Amino acid sequence: MAHINLPPGLQGIRGPMAFRPETAKPLNELAEILLHAPNSLAPGERELIATYVSSLNDCYFCQTVHGAIAAAHLDDDEELVNRVKANFQHSDISDKLKKLLVIAGKVQRGGKHVTADDVQAARDAGASDIEIHDTVLIAAAFCMYNRYVDGLNTWQPKDENLYRERGKKVAKDGYVTMSREYLPQSGA
């Protein structure tokens, strides 16, 4: 049971967002920019960063739903998502993404853990400054999103099919469009 009276039937972050829509709008817009909007990193790669950070934070909802979104972008390759969470260094992903995941993991522990050598290693693997920037911001944002979900003890069903279905929709339509399902629309 959630720690506060959230709207019923909305899993994970959707409950608190519906509870306080004025804060949900910028949070969804940030997720849209970081994870869904055009970028030199593919949406599946960005979702893998979010999934990895969420798994480090042990946030069941976020790692499961963003893992499902990542898989939807990656030809439904759920095993790849699981391998990235378990040990990305031995996963079939680019060296650039591996270097970015090193940075993301360090941000998850604390931003000051990221070193100039980590950034240079990412650059040497082909990462641009915007990709490094966005990796840091995705990792930082997901620490916030994860703590938002778990700090309010939101409802997090264990049915993987719910997450797969949601993942496919979000991968297709994005965060802002999907938020219209549970947020009131007032000239936004």
Protein backbone atom coordinates (compact mmCIF):
# COMPACT_ATOMS: atom_id res chain seq x y z
CA MET A 1 0.00 0.00 0.00
CA ALA A 2 1.32 3.42 -0.95
CA HIS A 3 2.45 5.73 1.83
CA ILE A 4 -0.04 8.41 0.72
CA ASN A 5 -3.48 8.21 -0.86
CA LEU A 6 -2.65 7.87 -4.57
CA PRO A 7 -5.23 7.41 -7.33
CA PRO A 8 -6.10 3.70 -7.51
CA GLY A 9 -5.07 1.40 -10.34
CA LEU A 10 -2.07 3.39 -11.56
CA GLN A 11 1.17 1.46 -11.27
CA GLY A 12 4.60 2.82 -10.42
CA ILE A 13 5.25 6.45 -11.23
CA ARG A 14 1.85 6.97 -12.82
CA GLY A 15 0.10 7.11 -9.41
CA PRO A 16 2.18 9.95 -7.96
CA MET A 17 2.12 11.77 -11.28
CA ALA A 18 -1.68 11.64 -11.35
CA PHE A 19 -1.69 12.77 -7.71
CA ARG A 20 0.31 15.91 -8.58
CA PRO A 21 -0.06 16.57 -12.32
CA GLU A 22 1.63 19.97 -12.18
CA THR A 23 4.91 18.21 -11.32
CA ALA A 24 4.21 15.30 -13.69
CA LYS A 25 4.21 17.53 -16.75
CA PRO A 26 7.88 18.61 -16.53
CA LEU A 27 8.96 15.11 -15.41
CA ASN A 28 7.30 13.56 -18.47
CA GLU A 29 8.72 16.25 -20.74
CA LEU A 30 12.22 15.53 -19.38
CA ALA A 31 11.78 11.79 -19.98
CA GLU A 32 10.51 12.56 -23.49
CA ILE A 33 13.58 14.66 -24.32
CA LEU A 34 16.08 12.28 -22.78
CA LEU A 35 14.66 8.95 -23.88
CA HIS A 36 12.33 9.37 -26.85
CA ALA A 37 13.18 12.51 -28.84
CA PRO A 38 15.66 12.33 -31.72
CA ASN A 39 19.23 11.90 -30.51
CA SER A 40 22.46 10.37 -31.76
CA LEU A 41 22.00 7.60 -29.17
CA ALA A 42 19.22 5.27 -30.23
CA PRO A 43 16.13 5.16 -28.00
CA GLY A 44 16.96 1.56 -27.06
CA GLU A 45 20.42 2.62 -25.89
CA ARG A 46 19.02 5.46 -23.80
CA GLU A 47 16.40 3.15 -22.31
CA LEU A 48 19.17 0.67 -21.45
CA ILE A 49 20.93 3.43 -19.50
CA ALA A 50 17.70 4.16 -17.59
CA THR A 51 17.13 0.44 -17.00
CA TYR A 52 20.67 -0.14 -15.78
CA VAL A 53 20.56 2.75 -13.30
CA SER A 54 17.13 1.63 -12.09
CA SER A 55 18.44 -1.89 -11.55
CA LEU A 56 21.37 -0.51 -9.53
CA ASN A 57 18.82 1.41 -7.44
CA ASP A 58 16.73 -1.76 -7.08
CA CYS A 59 13.60 0.00 -8.34
CA TYR A 60 11.47 -2.87 -9.61
CA PHE A 61 8.94 -0.74 -11.49
CA CYS A 62 11.45 1.45 -13.33
CA GLN A 63 13.89 -1.30 -14.28
CA THR A 64 11.03 -3.48 -15.48
CA VAL A 65 9.07 -0.89 -17.46
CA HIS A 66 12.15 0.77 -18.96
CA GLY A 67 13.63 -2.66 -19.67
CA ALA A 68 10.41 -3.45 -21.56
CA ILE A 69 10.66 -0.14 -23.46
CA ALA A 70 14.32 -0.88 -24.28
CA ALA A 71 13.40 -4.38 -25.47
CA ALA A 72 10.60 -2.94 -27.63
CA HIS A 73 13.19 -0.72 -29.33
CA LEU A 74 15.64 -3.64 -29.65
CA ASP A 75 13.51 -6.15 -31.58
CA ASP A 76 11.99 -7.49 -28.33
CA ASP A 77 15.40 -8.68 -27.11
CA GLU A 78 14.58 -9.09 -23.42
CA GLU A 79 17.65 -11.28 -22.92
CA LEU A 80 19.93 -8.43 -23.99
CA VAL A 81 18.24 -6.17 -21.44
CA ASN A 82 18.76 -8.80 -18.74
CA ARG A 83 22.41 -9.26 -19.73
CA VAL A 84 23.03 -5.51 -19.58
CA LYS A 85 21.55 -5.38 -16.08
CA ALA A 86 23.57 -8.41 -14.95
CA ASN A 87 26.93 -7.55 -16.56
CA PHE A 88 26.94 -5.02 -19.36
CA GLN A 89 30.68 -5.50 -19.97
CA HIS A 90 29.90 -8.98 -21.35
CA SER A 91 26.81 -7.92 -23.31
CA ASP A 92 26.48 -7.57 -27.05
CA ILE A 93 26.39 -3.76 -27.04
CA SER A 94 28.78 -1.20 -28.50
CA ASP A 95 31.96 -0.23 -26.71
CA LYS A 96 30.64 3.33 -26.66
CA LEU A 97 27.51 2.25 -24.77
CA LYS A 98 29.64 0.24 -22.34
CA LYS A 99 31.73 3.33 -21.58
CA LEU A 100 28.57 5.39 -21.13
CA LEU A 101 27.15 2.76 -18.77
CA VAL A 102 30.34 3.05 -16.69
CA ILE A 103 29.61 6.76 -16.35
CA ALA A 104 25.92 6.11 -15.58
CA GLY A 105 26.84 3.62 -12.86
CA LYS A 106 29.19 6.11 -11.27
CA VAL A 107 26.54 8.85 -11.36
CA GLN A 108 24.17 6.42 -9.61
CA ARG A 109 26.69 6.13 -6.74
CA GLY A 110 27.31 9.89 -6.75
CA GLY A 111 28.22 12.38 -9.43
CA LYS A 112 31.70 12.99 -8.05
CA HIS A 113 32.60 9.37 -8.84
CA VAL A 114 32.76 10.22 -12.56
CA THR A 115 36.36 10.95 -13.53
CA ALA A 116 38.01 12.73 -16.43
CA ASP A 117 39.37 9.31 -17.44
CA ASP A 118 35.81 7.91 -17.63
CA VAL A 119 34.77 10.78 -19.89
CA GLN A 120 37.89 10.41 -22.05
CA ALA A 121 37.28 6.66 -22.38
CA ALA A 122 33.75 7.40 -23.59
CA ARG A 123 35.08 9.97 -26.07
CA ASP A 124 37.72 7.50 -27.27
CA ALA A 125 34.91 5.01 -27.91
CA GLY A 126 33.10 7.59 -30.05
CA ALA A 127 30.79 9.32 -27.55
CA SER A 128 30.02 12.97 -28.23
CA ASP A 129 29.75 15.59 -25.53
CA ILE A 130 25.96 15.61 -25.85
CA GLU A 131 25.87 11.81 -25.43
CA ILE A 132 28.03 12.11 -22.31
CA HIS A 133 25.84 14.95 -21.04
CA ASP A 134 22.64 13.03 -21.69
CA THR A 135 24.02 9.87 -20.06
CA VAL A 136 24.79 11.81 -16.89
CA LEU A 137 21.37 13.46 -16.94
CA ILE A 138 19.54 10.18 -17.62
CA ALA A 139 21.38 8.54 -14.72
CA ALA A 140 20.72 11.48 -12.38
CA ALA A 141 17.07 11.73 -13.45
CA PHE A 142 16.51 8.02 -12.91
CA CYS A 143 17.94 8.20 -9.43
CA MET A 144 15.21 10.81 -8.81
CA TYR A 145 12.47 8.86 -10.61
CA ASN A 146 13.43 5.64 -8.77
CA ARG A 147 13.35 7.34 -5.39
CA TYR A 148 10.00 8.97 -6.27
CA VAL A 149 8.47 5.58 -7.07
CA ASP A 150 9.97 3.69 -4.13
CA GLY A 151 9.83 6.54 -1.62
CA LEU A 152 6.04 6.60 -1.93
CA ASN A 153 5.83 2.79 -1.99
CA THR A 154 3.80 2.83 -5.20
CA TRP A 155 1.92 -0.16 -6.56
CA GLN A 156 4.31 -2.26 -8.64
CA PRO A 157 2.57 -5.34 -10.05
CA LYS A 158 4.72 -8.36 -10.83
CA ASP A 159 2.96 -9.33 -14.10
CA GLU A 160 5.70 -8.98 -16.74
CA ASN A 161 3.10 -8.85 -19.52
CA LEU A 162 1.74 -5.55 -18.19
CA TYR A 163 5.22 -4.06 -18.53
CA ARG A 164 5.74 -5.53 -22.01
CA GLU A 165 2.46 -4.06 -23.21
CA ARG A 166 3.23 -0.65 -21.69
CA GLY A 167 6.80 -0.80 -23.02
CA LYS A 168 5.60 -1.27 -26.60
CA LYS A 169 3.18 1.67 -26.29
CA VAL A 170 5.74 4.03 -24.78
CA ALA A 171 8.38 2.99 -27.34
CA LYS A 172 5.91 3.85 -30.10
CA ASP A 173 4.18 6.94 -28.71
CA GLY A 174 6.57 8.50 -26.19
CA TYR A 175 6.16 9.72 -22.64
CA VAL A 176 4.13 12.88 -23.09
CA THR A 177 1.54 11.18 -25.30
CA MET A 178 1.23 8.22 -22.93
CA SER A 179 0.84 10.52 -19.92
CA ARG A 180 -2.44 11.73 -21.40
CA GLU A 181 -3.94 8.42 -20.26
CA TYR A 182 -3.70 9.39 -16.60
CA LEU A 183 -3.13 13.16 -16.45
CA PRO A 184 -5.83 15.78 -16.86
CA GLN A 185 -5.46 17.83 -20.04
CA SER A 186 -5.76 21.58 -19.53
CA GLY A 187 -4.41 23.48 -22.48
CA ALA A 188 -1.13 21.56 -22.35
